[in-house]
């Protein structure tokens, strides 16, 4: 279900990451802190938490209370970190149980909803902004039993594991077993399965929120491709961030702006930006700007025309 070009890039970057293992402890700790922060910030922001990335960092690392922000928003940060720690403890477990899923949810809503944390909903719910109506509460226990059976069929292949993690995410939010916290629990579960297969955690960005929800709606009609691709692109972004820290930069792998990249192509900076947004050009977002590498440009040019297949250095 992952588009062929994207699948090829993921496998190639995973190969490069595996070649760098074992990762030096100092680098691993730096990456762990970065991903815990981004994962917590973006997952909470998708659900409406108004803490900024920097404020989230202050709450996580320094225990600072940010003025003008609610206690719930602060608890969402510290709870998410506790849930990440619990998920890390499940990485070596043979299979994931229903109790594990309930514990992840209990940690997400700890001290926020003492009556609902770790318990299935006992009422009907509606999803704001969606026409989808979740199953009635009496169906939830059976659906979750079936969901856990699905989790036990965890595949071994790399690309299959990415698709499986995305489908696990969709199935959980489609059941919508909890009154609140379904999305955060699903994103934690997604990364649990990705990390169990040696991938970095994938962070669905706050800016992807409209695409995230629309692709979930599409999946409910049986069209899973857009959601699986969204998760796969998040996986690729995480691989890029790991490789950026761990690989020694070279002329071909060092990051360059799209304005500089445009000088190496027959295309404008604006067109390269469009290609990056659509996932056709391998690129990373830095703030509001896209960056890429000479190697990525070469690969894109080679994919669209044999005339551009020769190395840029030869031009």
C-alpha atoms as a PDB file:
ATOM      1  CA  UNK A   1       0.000   0.000   0.000  1.00  0.00           C
ATOM      2  CA  UNK A   2       3.007   2.315   0.368  1.00  0.00           C
ATOM      3  CA  UNK A   3       3.778   4.014  -2.983  1.00  0.00           C
ATOM      4  CA  UNK A   4       6.733   2.297  -4.669  1.00  0.00           C
ATOM      5  CA  UNK A   5       9.028   5.343  -4.746  1.00  0.00           C
ATOM      6  CA  UNK A   6       8.390   6.130  -1.075  1.00  0.00           C
ATOM      7  CA  UNK A   7       8.818   2.456  -0.135  1.00  0.00           C
ATOM      8  CA  UNK A   8      12.170   2.357  -1.898  1.00  0.00           C
ATOM      9  CA  UNK A   9      13.382   5.449  -0.053  1.00  0.00           C
ATOM     10  CA  UNK A  10      12.313   4.041   3.317  1.00  0.00           C
ATOM     11  CA  UNK A  11      14.150   0.764   2.710  1.00  0.00           C
ATOM     12  CA  UNK A  12      17.291   2.567   1.523  1.00  0.00           C
ATOM     13  CA  UNK A  13      17.326   4.899   4.539  1.00  0.00           C
ATOM     14  CA  UNK A  14      16.621   2.045   6.919  1.00  0.00           C
ATOM     15  CA  UNK A  15      19.587   0.192   5.401  1.00  0.00           C
ATOM     16  CA  UNK A  16      21.797   3.238   6.014  1.00  0.00           C
ATOM     17  CA  UNK A  17      20.562   3.540   9.599  1.00  0.00           C
ATOM     18  CA  UNK A  18      21.157  -0.154  10.295  1.00  0.00           C
ATOM     19  CA  UNK A  19      24.720   0.239   8.983  1.00  0.00           C
ATOM     20  CA  UNK A  20      25.329   2.864  11.683  1.00  0.00           C
ATOM     21  CA  UNK A  21      24.284   0.609  14.563  1.00  0.00           C
ATOM     22  CA  UNK A  22      25.159   0.372  17.372  1.00  0.00           C
ATOM     23  CA  UNK A  23      24.355   4.051  17.805  1.00  0.00           C
ATOM     24  CA  UNK A  24      26.729   5.852  20.198  1.00  0.00           C
ATOM     25  CA  UNK A  25      25.002   6.356  23.597  1.00  0.00           C
ATOM     26  CA  UNK A  26      25.432  10.157  23.543  1.00  0.00           C
ATOM     27  CA  UNK A  27      23.845  10.435  20.084  1.00  0.00           C
ATOM     28  CA  UNK A  28      21.078   8.029  21.058  1.00  0.00           C
ATOM     29  CA  UNK A  29      20.238  10.079  24.146  1.00  0.00           C
ATOM     30  CA  UNK A  30      20.165  13.279  22.087  1.00  0.00           C
ATOM     31  CA  UNK A  31      17.789  11.679  19.581  1.00  0.00           C
ATOM     32  CA  UNK A  32      15.614  10.220  22.338  1.00  0.00           C
ATOM     33  CA  UNK A  33      15.132  13.639  23.944  1.00  0.00           C
ATOM     34  CA  UNK A  34      14.378  15.269  20.612  1.00  0.00           C
ATOM     35  CA  UNK A  35      11.792  12.695  19.622  1.00  0.00           C
ATOM     36  CA  UNK A  36      10.108  12.596  23.019  1.00  0.00           C
ATOM     37  CA  UNK A  37       9.670  16.360  22.807  1.00  0.00           C
ATOM     38  CA  UNK A  38       8.409  16.445  19.206  1.00  0.00           C
ATOM     39  CA  UNK A  39       6.191  13.395  19.679  1.00  0.00           C
ATOM     40  CA  UNK A  40       4.606  14.855  22.824  1.00  0.00           C
ATOM     41  CA  UNK A  41       4.167  18.352  21.413  1.00  0.00           C
ATOM     42  CA  UNK A  42       2.651  17.378  18.071  1.00  0.00           C
ATOM     43  CA  UNK A  43       0.414  14.587  19.410  1.00  0.00           C
ATOM     44  CA  UNK A  44      -1.059  16.922  22.030  1.00  0.00           C
ATOM     45  CA  UNK A  45      -1.283  19.867  19.619  1.00  0.00           C
ATOM     46  CA  UNK A  46      -3.338  17.779  17.174  1.00  0.00           C
ATOM     47  CA  UNK A  47      -5.873  17.380  19.999  1.00  0.00           C
ATOM     48  CA  UNK A  48      -5.970  21.114  20.771  1.00  0.00           C
ATOM     49  CA  UNK A  49      -3.276  21.583  23.420  1.00  0.00           C
ATOM     50  CA  UNK A  50      -2.088  25.203  23.120  1.00  0.00           C
ATOM     51  CA  UNK A  51       1.391  24.817  24.653  1.00  0.00           C
ATOM     52  CA  UNK A  52       4.112  25.750  22.162  1.00  0.00           C
ATOM     53  CA  UNK A  53       7.052  23.476  21.385  1.00  0.00           C
ATOM     54  CA  UNK A  54       9.294  25.528  23.676  1.00  0.00           C
ATOM     55  CA  UNK A  55       6.699  25.556  26.473  1.00  0.00           C
ATOM     56  CA  UNK A  56       6.311  21.793  26.123  1.00  0.00           C
ATOM     57  CA  UNK A  57      10.079  21.474  26.488  1.00  0.00           C
ATOM     58  CA  UNK A  58      10.045  23.581  29.675  1.00  0.00           C
ATOM     59  CA  UNK A  59       7.311  21.419  31.195  1.00  0.00           C
ATOM     60  CA  UNK A  60       9.031  18.172  30.170  1.00  0.00           C
ATOM     61  CA  UNK A  61      12.623  18.947  31.064  1.00  0.00           C
ATOM     62  CA  UNK A  62      12.387  21.558  33.799  1.00  0.00           C
ATOM     63  CA  UNK A  63       8.975  20.932  35.362  1.00  0.00           C
ATOM     64  CA  UNK A  64       8.083  24.589  34.847  1.00  0.00           C
ATOM     65  CA  UNK A  65       4.457  25.717  35.045  1.00  0.00           C
ATOM     66  CA  UNK A  66       3.628  27.995  32.129  1.00  0.00           C
ATOM     67  CA  UNK A  67       1.482  30.990  33.029  1.00  0.00           C
ATOM     68  CA  UNK A  68      -1.881  31.289  31.322  1.00  0.00           C
ATOM     69  CA  UNK A  69      -2.065  27.580  30.470  1.00  0.00           C
ATOM     70  CA  UNK A  70      -4.482  25.140  32.080  1.00  0.00           C
ATOM     71  CA  UNK A  71      -3.523  22.354  34.457  1.00  0.00           C
ATOM     72  CA  UNK A  72      -4.965  19.873  31.951  1.00  0.00           C
ATOM     73  CA  UNK A  73      -2.525  21.063  29.271  1.00  0.00           C
ATOM     74  CA  UNK A  74       0.394  20.572  31.650  1.00  0.00           C
ATOM     75  CA  UNK A  75      -0.841  17.102  32.620  1.00  0.00           C
ATOM     76  CA  UNK A  76      -1.205  16.149  28.966  1.00  0.00           C
ATOM     77  CA  UNK A  77       2.535  16.754  28.572  1.00  0.00           C
ATOM     78  CA  UNK A  78       3.713  14.869  31.651  1.00  0.00           C
ATOM     79  CA  UNK A  79       1.199  12.067  31.073  1.00  0.00           C
ATOM     80  CA  UNK A  80       2.351  11.595  27.496  1.00  0.00           C
ATOM     81  CA  UNK A  81       5.949  11.275  28.662  1.00  0.00           C
ATOM     82  CA  UNK A  82       4.879   8.625  31.187  1.00  0.00           C
ATOM     83  CA  UNK A  83       3.046   6.778  28.411  1.00  0.00           C
ATOM     84  CA  UNK A  84       6.163   6.884  26.195  1.00  0.00           C
ATOM     85  CA  UNK A  85       8.188   5.375  29.047  1.00  0.00           C
ATOM     86  CA  UNK A  86       5.610   2.590  29.391  1.00  0.00           C
ATOM     87  CA  UNK A  87       5.630   1.963  25.622  1.00  0.00           C
ATOM     88  CA  UNK A  88       9.437   1.680  25.713  1.00  0.00           C
ATOM     89  CA  UNK A  89       9.031  -1.026  28.333  1.00  0.00           C
ATOM     90  CA  UNK A  90       6.836  -3.029  25.937  1.00  0.00           C
ATOM     91  CA  UNK A  91       9.370  -3.150  23.096  1.00  0.00           C
ATOM     92  CA  UNK A  92      10.739  -6.569  24.038  1.00  0.00           C
ATOM     93  CA  UNK A  93       7.394  -8.095  24.996  1.00  0.00           C
ATOM     94  CA  UNK A  94       6.361 -11.056  22.844  1.00  0.00           C
ATOM     95  CA  UNK A  95       2.880  -9.701  22.087  1.00  0.00           C
ATOM     96  CA  UNK A  96       0.746  -6.738  23.104  1.00  0.00           C
ATOM     97  CA  UNK A  97      -2.261  -7.441  25.305  1.00  0.00           C
ATOM     98  CA  UNK A  98      -5.570  -5.695  25.893  1.00  0.00           C
ATOM     99  CA  UNK A  99      -4.295  -4.723  29.352  1.00  0.00           C
ATOM    100  CA  UNK A 100      -1.307  -2.995  27.710  1.00  0.00           C
ATOM    101  CA  UNK A 101      -3.607  -0.878  25.516  1.00  0.00           C
ATOM    102  CA  UNK A 102      -5.732   0.032  28.541  1.00  0.00           C
ATOM    103  CA  UNK A 103      -2.620   0.999  30.538  1.00  0.00           C
ATOM    104  CA  UNK A 104      -1.378   3.283  27.750  1.00  0.00           C
ATOM    105  CA  UNK A 105      -4.763   5.037  27.814  1.00  0.00           C
ATOM    106  CA  UNK A 106      -4.764   5.187  31.621  1.00  0.00           C
ATOM    107  CA  UNK A 107      -1.417   6.993  31.554  1.00  0.00           C
ATOM    108  CA  UNK A 108      -2.575   9.425  28.848  1.00  0.00           C
ATOM    109  CA  UNK A 109      -5.576  10.537  30.959  1.00  0.00           C
ATOM    110  CA  UNK A 110      -4.083  10.103  34.441  1.00  0.00           C
ATOM    111  CA  UNK A 111      -5.457  12.821  36.803  1.00  0.00           C
ATOM    112  CA  UNK A 112      -7.386  14.306  33.866  1.00  0.00           C
ATOM    113  CA  UNK A 113     -10.303  11.861  33.764  1.00  0.00           C
ATOM    114  CA  UNK A 114     -10.077   9.507  36.770  1.00  0.00           C
ATOM    115  CA  UNK A 115     -13.348   7.781  35.866  1.00  0.00           C
ATOM    116  CA  UNK A 116     -12.471   7.208  32.202  1.00  0.00           C
ATOM    117  CA  UNK A 117      -8.698   6.622  32.278  1.00  0.00           C
ATOM    118  CA  UNK A 118      -8.036   3.005  31.345  1.00  0.00           C
ATOM    119  CA  UNK A 119     -11.724   2.133  30.954  1.00  0.00           C
ATOM    120  CA  UNK A 120     -13.875   1.618  27.875  1.00  0.00           C
ATOM    121  CA  UNK A 121     -16.599   4.152  27.294  1.00  0.00           C
ATOM    122  CA  UNK A 122     -20.105   3.415  28.501  1.00  0.00           C
ATOM    123  CA  UNK A 123     -21.814   6.023  26.358  1.00  0.00           C
ATOM    124  CA  UNK A 124     -22.293   6.939  22.744  1.00  0.00           C
ATOM    125  CA  UNK A 125     -19.908   9.538  21.335  1.00  0.00           C
ATOM    126  CA  UNK A 126     -19.649  11.698  18.231  1.00  0.00           C
ATOM    127  CA  UNK A 127     -16.447  12.907  16.579  1.00  0.00           C
ATOM    128  CA  UNK A 128     -16.394  16.669  16.074  1.00  0.00           C
ATOM    129  CA  UNK A 129     -16.084  17.616  12.411  1.00  0.00           C
ATOM    130  CA  UNK A 130     -16.726  14.098  11.125  1.00  0.00           C
ATOM    131  CA  UNK A 131     -19.856  12.335   9.918  1.00  0.00           C
ATOM    132  CA  UNK A 132     -18.524   9.052  11.311  1.00  0.00           C
ATOM    133  CA  UNK A 133     -20.451   7.565  14.230  1.00  0.00           C
ATOM    134  CA  UNK A 134     -18.349   5.200  16.389  1.00  0.00           C
ATOM    135  CA  UNK A 135     -19.788   1.818  17.393  1.00  0.00           C
ATOM    136  CA  UNK A 136     -22.253   1.705  20.292  1.00  0.00           C
ATOM    137  CA  UNK A 137     -20.595   1.187  23.711  1.00  0.00           C
ATOM    138  CA  UNK A 138     -21.939  -2.353  24.192  1.00  0.00           C
ATOM    139  CA  UNK A 139     -19.980  -3.448  21.097  1.00  0.00           C
ATOM    140  CA  UNK A 140     -16.650  -2.032  22.271  1.00  0.00           C
ATOM    141  CA  UNK A 141     -15.417  -4.939  24.490  1.00  0.00           C
ATOM    142  CA  UNK A 142     -15.899  -7.508  21.706  1.00  0.00           C
ATOM    143  CA  UNK A 143     -14.358  -5.207  19.086  1.00  0.00           C
ATOM    144  CA  UNK A 144     -11.326  -4.668  21.310  1.00  0.00           C
ATOM    145  CA  UNK A 145     -10.939  -8.417  21.824  1.00  0.00           C
ATOM    146  CA  UNK A 146     -10.860  -8.790  18.033  1.00  0.00           C
ATOM    147  CA  UNK A 147      -8.456  -5.835  17.768  1.00  0.00           C
ATOM    148  CA  UNK A 148      -5.958  -7.491  20.121  1.00  0.00           C
ATOM    149  CA  UNK A 149      -6.188 -10.680  18.046  1.00  0.00           C
ATOM    150  CA  UNK A 150      -5.225  -8.537  15.048  1.00  0.00           C
ATOM    151  CA  UNK A 151      -2.226  -7.167  16.979  1.00  0.00           C
ATOM    152  CA  UNK A 152      -0.942 -10.690  17.560  1.00  0.00           C
ATOM    153  CA  UNK A 153      -0.574 -11.098  13.762  1.00  0.00           C
ATOM    154  CA  UNK A 154       2.311  -8.562  13.803  1.00  0.00           C
ATOM    155  CA  UNK A 155       4.395  -9.093  10.611  1.00  0.00           C
ATOM    156  CA  UNK A 156       8.180  -9.312  10.324  1.00  0.00           C
ATOM    157  CA  UNK A 157       8.925  -7.440   7.094  1.00  0.00           C
ATOM    158  CA  UNK A 158      10.009  -3.805   7.276  1.00  0.00           C
ATOM    159  CA  UNK A 159       7.455  -2.296   4.899  1.00  0.00           C
ATOM    160  CA  UNK A 160       4.777  -4.661   6.185  1.00  0.00           C
ATOM    161  CA  UNK A 161       5.466  -3.447   9.720  1.00  0.00           C
ATOM    162  CA  UNK A 162       4.902   0.188   8.663  1.00  0.00           C
ATOM    163  CA  UNK A 163       1.595  -0.736   7.015  1.00  0.00           C
ATOM    164  CA  UNK A 164       0.626  -2.829  10.047  1.00  0.00           C
ATOM    165  CA  UNK A 165       1.345   0.064  12.436  1.00  0.00           C
ATOM    166  CA  UNK A 166      -0.826   2.375  10.314  1.00  0.00           C
ATOM    167  CA  UNK A 167      -3.680  -0.141  10.188  1.00  0.00           C
ATOM    168  CA  UNK A 168      -3.471  -0.702  13.955  1.00  0.00           C
ATOM    169  CA  UNK A 169      -3.804   3.059  14.389  1.00  0.00           C
ATOM    170  CA  UNK A 170      -6.839   3.201  12.127  1.00  0.00           C
ATOM    171  CA  UNK A 171      -8.563   0.200  13.705  1.00  0.00           C
ATOM    172  CA  UNK A 172      -8.237   1.637  17.207  1.00  0.00           C
ATOM    173  CA  UNK A 173      -9.593   5.089  16.364  1.00  0.00           C
ATOM    174  CA  UNK A 174     -12.341   3.471  14.289  1.00  0.00           C
ATOM    175  CA  UNK A 175     -13.507   1.482  17.327  1.00  0.00           C
ATOM    176  CA  UNK A 176     -13.078   4.679  19.382  1.00  0.00           C
ATOM    177  CA  UNK A 177     -13.118   2.664  22.630  1.00  0.00           C
ATOM    178  CA  UNK A 178     -12.626   5.633  24.964  1.00  0.00           C
ATOM    179  CA  UNK A 179     -14.510   8.855  25.574  1.00  0.00           C
ATOM    180  CA  UNK A 180     -11.268  10.827  25.222  1.00  0.00           C
ATOM    181  CA  UNK A 181      -7.633  10.100  24.410  1.00  0.00           C
ATOM    182  CA  UNK A 182      -8.222   7.758  21.456  1.00  0.00           C
ATOM    183  CA  UNK A 183      -5.904   9.615  19.063  1.00  0.00           C
ATOM    184  CA  UNK A 184      -2.999   9.901  21.483  1.00  0.00           C
ATOM    185  CA  UNK A 185      -3.353   6.246  22.464  1.00  0.00           C
ATOM    186  CA  UNK A 186      -3.427   5.214  18.790  1.00  0.00           C
ATOM    187  CA  UNK A 187      -0.322   7.267  17.956  1.00  0.00           C
ATOM    188  CA  UNK A 188       1.530   5.740  20.916  1.00  0.00           C
ATOM    189  CA  UNK A 189       0.494   2.276  19.765  1.00  0.00           C
ATOM    190  CA  UNK A 190       1.604   3.022  16.202  1.00  0.00           C
ATOM    191  CA  UNK A 191       5.071   3.938  17.401  1.00  0.00           C
ATOM    192  CA  UNK A 192       5.209   0.934  19.684  1.00  0.00           C
ATOM    193  CA  UNK A 193       4.984  -1.329  16.626  1.00  0.00           C
ATOM    194  CA  UNK A 194       7.364   0.792  14.560  1.00  0.00           C
ATOM    195  CA  UNK A 195      10.000   0.791  17.300  1.00  0.00           C
ATOM    196  CA  UNK A 196       9.568  -2.957  17.850  1.00  0.00           C
ATOM    197  CA  UNK A 197      10.786  -3.312  14.251  1.00  0.00           C
ATOM    198  CA  UNK A 198      13.768  -1.002  14.664  1.00  0.00           C
ATOM    199  CA  UNK A 199      12.263   2.201  13.258  1.00  0.00           C
ATOM    200  CA  UNK A 200      12.466   5.550  15.036  1.00  0.00           C
ATOM    201  CA  UNK A 201       9.106   6.801  16.345  1.00  0.00           C
ATOM    202  CA  UNK A 202       7.080   8.519  13.617  1.00  0.00           C
ATOM    203  CA  UNK A 203       5.723  11.964  14.483  1.00  0.00           C
ATOM    204  CA  UNK A 204       2.549  13.105  12.738  1.00  0.00           C
ATOM    205  CA  UNK A 205       2.991  16.862  12.654  1.00  0.00           C
ATOM    206  CA  UNK A 206       0.459  19.399  13.884  1.00  0.00           C
ATOM    207  CA  UNK A 207       0.523  20.949  10.408  1.00  0.00           C
ATOM    208  CA  UNK A 208      -0.638  17.632   8.948  1.00  0.00           C
ATOM    209  CA  UNK A 209      -3.772  17.635  11.117  1.00  0.00           C
ATOM    210  CA  UNK A 210      -6.249  18.309   8.240  1.00  0.00           C
ATOM    211  CA  UNK A 211      -4.641  15.605   6.075  1.00  0.00           C
ATOM    212  CA  UNK A 212      -4.528  13.243   9.056  1.00  0.00           C
ATOM    213  CA  UNK A 213      -8.266  13.499   9.693  1.00  0.00           C
ATOM    214  CA  UNK A 214      -9.269  13.465   6.033  1.00  0.00           C
ATOM    215  CA  UNK A 215      -7.180  10.344   5.394  1.00  0.00           C
ATOM    216  CA  UNK A 216      -8.803   8.629   8.399  1.00  0.00           C
ATOM    217  CA  UNK A 217     -12.215   9.484   6.947  1.00  0.00           C
ATOM    218  CA  UNK A 218     -11.120   8.055   3.599  1.00  0.00           C
ATOM    219  CA  UNK A 219      -9.969   4.860   5.318  1.00  0.00           C
ATOM    220  CA  UNK A 220     -13.469   4.431   6.737  1.00  0.00           C
ATOM    221  CA  UNK A 221     -14.733   4.144   3.156  1.00  0.00           C
ATOM    222  CA  UNK A 222     -12.178   1.413   2.441  1.00  0.00           C
ATOM    223  CA  UNK A 223      -9.543   3.701   0.902  1.00  0.00           C
ATOM    224  CA  UNK A 224      -6.535   3.120   3.167  1.00  0.00           C
ATOM    225  CA  UNK A 225      -3.801   4.345   0.826  1.00  0.00           C
ATOM    226  CA  UNK A 226      -3.714   7.997   1.875  1.00  0.00           C
ATOM    227  CA  UNK A 227      -3.503   7.188   5.587  1.00  0.00           C
ATOM    228  CA  UNK A 228      -0.828   4.518   5.150  1.00  0.00           C
ATOM    229  CA  UNK A 229       1.146   6.972   3.000  1.00  0.00           C
ATOM    230  CA  UNK A 230       0.836   9.689   5.668  1.00  0.00           C
ATOM    231  CA  UNK A 231       2.260   7.337   8.298  1.00  0.00           C
ATOM    232  CA  UNK A 232       4.977   6.139   5.896  1.00  0.00           C
ATOM    233  CA  UNK A 233       6.030   9.718   5.138  1.00  0.00           C
ATOM    234  CA  UNK A 234       6.250  10.368   8.893  1.00  0.00           C
ATOM    235  CA  UNK A 235       8.476   7.288   9.162  1.00  0.00           C
ATOM    236  CA  UNK A 236      10.704   8.624   6.384  1.00  0.00           C
ATOM    237  CA  UNK A 237      10.973  12.007   8.116  1.00  0.00           C
ATOM    238  CA  UNK A 238      12.133  10.290  11.318  1.00  0.00           C
ATOM    239  CA  UNK A 239      14.707   8.247   9.406  1.00  0.00           C
ATOM    240  CA  UNK A 240      15.954  11.484   7.828  1.00  0.00           C
ATOM    241  CA  UNK A 241      16.352  13.106  11.240  1.00  0.00           C
ATOM    242  CA  UNK A 242      18.275  10.113  12.589  1.00  0.00           C
ATOM    243  CA  UNK A 243      20.576  10.034   9.558  1.00  0.00           C
ATOM    244  CA  UNK A 244      21.114  13.793   9.765  1.00  0.00           C
ATOM    245  CA  UNK A 245      22.517  13.354  13.284  1.00  0.00           C
ATOM    246  CA  UNK A 246      24.420  10.108  12.763  1.00  0.00           C
ATOM    247  CA  UNK A 247      25.879  10.271   9.243  1.00  0.00           C
ATOM    248  CA  UNK A 248      28.899  12.353   8.401  1.00  0.00           C
ATOM    249  CA  UNK A 249      27.738  14.980   5.891  1.00  0.00           C
ATOM    250  CA  UNK A 250      29.220  14.948   2.418  1.00  0.00           C
ATOM    251  CA  UNK A 251      28.755  17.140  -0.625  1.00  0.00           C
ATOM    252  CA  UNK A 252      25.900  14.917  -1.733  1.00  0.00           C
ATOM    253  CA  UNK A 253      24.208  14.274   1.605  1.00  0.00           C
ATOM    254  CA  UNK A 254      24.587  17.727   3.177  1.00  0.00           C
ATOM    255  CA  UNK A 255      21.350  19.702   3.386  1.00  0.00           C
ATOM    256  CA  UNK A 256      20.767  22.541   0.925  1.00  0.00           C
ATOM    257  CA  UNK A 257      17.926  25.015   0.487  1.00  0.00           C
ATOM    258  CA  UNK A 258      15.456  24.633  -2.366  1.00  0.00           C
ATOM    259  CA  UNK A 259      16.723  27.899  -3.827  1.00  0.00           C
ATOM    260  CA  UNK A 260      20.182  26.321  -4.129  1.00  0.00           C
ATOM    261  CA  UNK A 261      18.658  23.051  -5.313  1.00  0.00           C
ATOM    262  CA  UNK A 262      16.794  24.890  -8.072  1.00  0.00           C
ATOM    263  CA  UNK A 263      20.149  25.934  -9.564  1.00  0.00           C
ATOM    264  CA  UNK A 264      20.904  22.249 -10.126  1.00  0.00           C
ATOM    265  CA  UNK A 265      17.663  21.597 -11.996  1.00  0.00           C
ATOM    266  CA  UNK A 266      15.527  23.028 -14.801  1.00  0.00           C
ATOM    267  CA  UNK A 267      12.838  23.766 -12.204  1.00  0.00           C
ATOM    268  CA  UNK A 268      11.973  26.780 -10.055  1.00  0.00           C
ATOM    269  CA  UNK A 269      12.199  26.848  -6.270  1.00  0.00           C
ATOM    270  CA  UNK A 270       8.382  27.047  -6.148  1.00  0.00           C
ATOM    271  CA  UNK A 271       8.010  23.897  -8.242  1.00  0.00           C
ATOM    272  CA  UNK A 272      10.512  22.012  -6.069  1.00  0.00           C
ATOM    273  CA  UNK A 273       8.518  23.125  -3.016  1.00  0.00           C
ATOM    274  CA  UNK A 274       5.376  21.678  -4.605  1.00  0.00           C
ATOM    275  CA  UNK A 275       7.209  18.393  -5.270  1.00  0.00           C
ATOM    276  CA  UNK A 276       8.365  18.313  -1.631  1.00  0.00           C
ATOM    277  CA  UNK A 277       4.840  18.905  -0.294  1.00  0.00           C
ATOM    278  CA  UNK A 278       3.479  16.109  -2.473  1.00  0.00           C
ATOM    279  CA  UNK A 279       6.243  13.744  -1.352  1.00  0.00           C
ATOM    280  CA  UNK A 280       7.676  13.353  -4.861  1.00  0.00           C
ATOM    281  CA  UNK A 281      10.952  15.043  -3.921  1.00  0.00           C
ATOM    282  CA  UNK A 282      12.658  13.736  -0.811  1.00  0.00           C
ATOM    283  CA  UNK A 283      12.956  16.814   1.423  1.00  0.00           C
ATOM    284  CA  UNK A 284      12.742  17.897   5.066  1.00  0.00           C
ATOM    285  CA  UNK A 285      10.913  20.837   6.644  1.00  0.00           C
ATOM    286  CA  UNK A 286      13.102  23.197   8.659  1.00  0.00           C
ATOM    287  CA  UNK A 287      10.844  25.764  10.279  1.00  0.00           C
ATOM    288  CA  UNK A 288       8.788  27.000   7.329  1.00  0.00           C
ATOM    289  CA  UNK A 289      11.374  26.140   4.670  1.00  0.00           C
ATOM    290  CA  UNK A 290      12.098  22.900   2.843  1.00  0.00           C
ATOM    291  CA  UNK A 291      15.639  21.555   2.530  1.00  0.00           C
ATOM    292  CA  UNK A 292      16.986  18.637   0.528  1.00  0.00           C
ATOM    293  CA  UNK A 293      20.307  17.195  -0.675  1.00  0.00           C
ATOM    294  CA  UNK A 294      22.151  16.967  -3.979  1.00  0.00           C
ATOM    295  CA  UNK A 295      21.670  13.205  -3.819  1.00  0.00           C
ATOM    296  CA  UNK A 296      17.890  13.619  -3.517  1.00  0.00           C
ATOM    297  CA  UNK A 297      17.878  15.995  -6.480  1.00  0.00           C
ATOM    298  CA  UNK A 298      19.891  13.552  -8.574  1.00  0.00           C
ATOM    299  CA  UNK A 299      17.503  10.737  -7.724  1.00  0.00           C
ATOM    300  CA  UNK A 300      14.457  12.802  -8.622  1.00  0.00           C
ATOM    301  CA  UNK A 301      15.922  13.939 -11.928  1.00  0.00           C
ATOM    302  CA  UNK A 302      16.912  10.388 -12.769  1.00  0.00           C
ATOM    303  CA  UNK A 303      13.373   9.230 -12.040  1.00  0.00           C
ATOM    304  CA  UNK A 304      11.754  11.671 -14.460  1.00  0.00           C
ATOM    305  CA  UNK A 305      14.203  11.721 -17.337  1.00  0.00           C
ATOM    306  CA  UNK A 306      17.164   9.676 -18.513  1.00  0.00           C
ATOM    307  CA  UNK A 307      18.656  12.927 -19.765  1.00  0.00           C
ATOM    308  CA  UNK A 308      19.246  13.962 -16.142  1.00  0.00           C
ATOM    309  CA  UNK A 309      20.521  10.628 -14.869  1.00  0.00           C
ATOM    310  CA  UNK A 310      24.200  11.579 -14.924  1.00  0.00           C
ATOM    311  CA  UNK A 311      25.771  12.941 -11.705  1.00  0.00           C
ATOM    312  CA  UNK A 312      25.409  16.668 -11.155  1.00  0.00           C
ATOM    313  CA  UNK A 313      29.163  16.937 -10.675  1.00  0.00           C
ATOM    314  CA  UNK A 314      29.556  16.123 -14.346  1.00  0.00           C
ATOM    315  CA  UNK A 315      27.452  19.102 -15.429  1.00  0.00           C
END
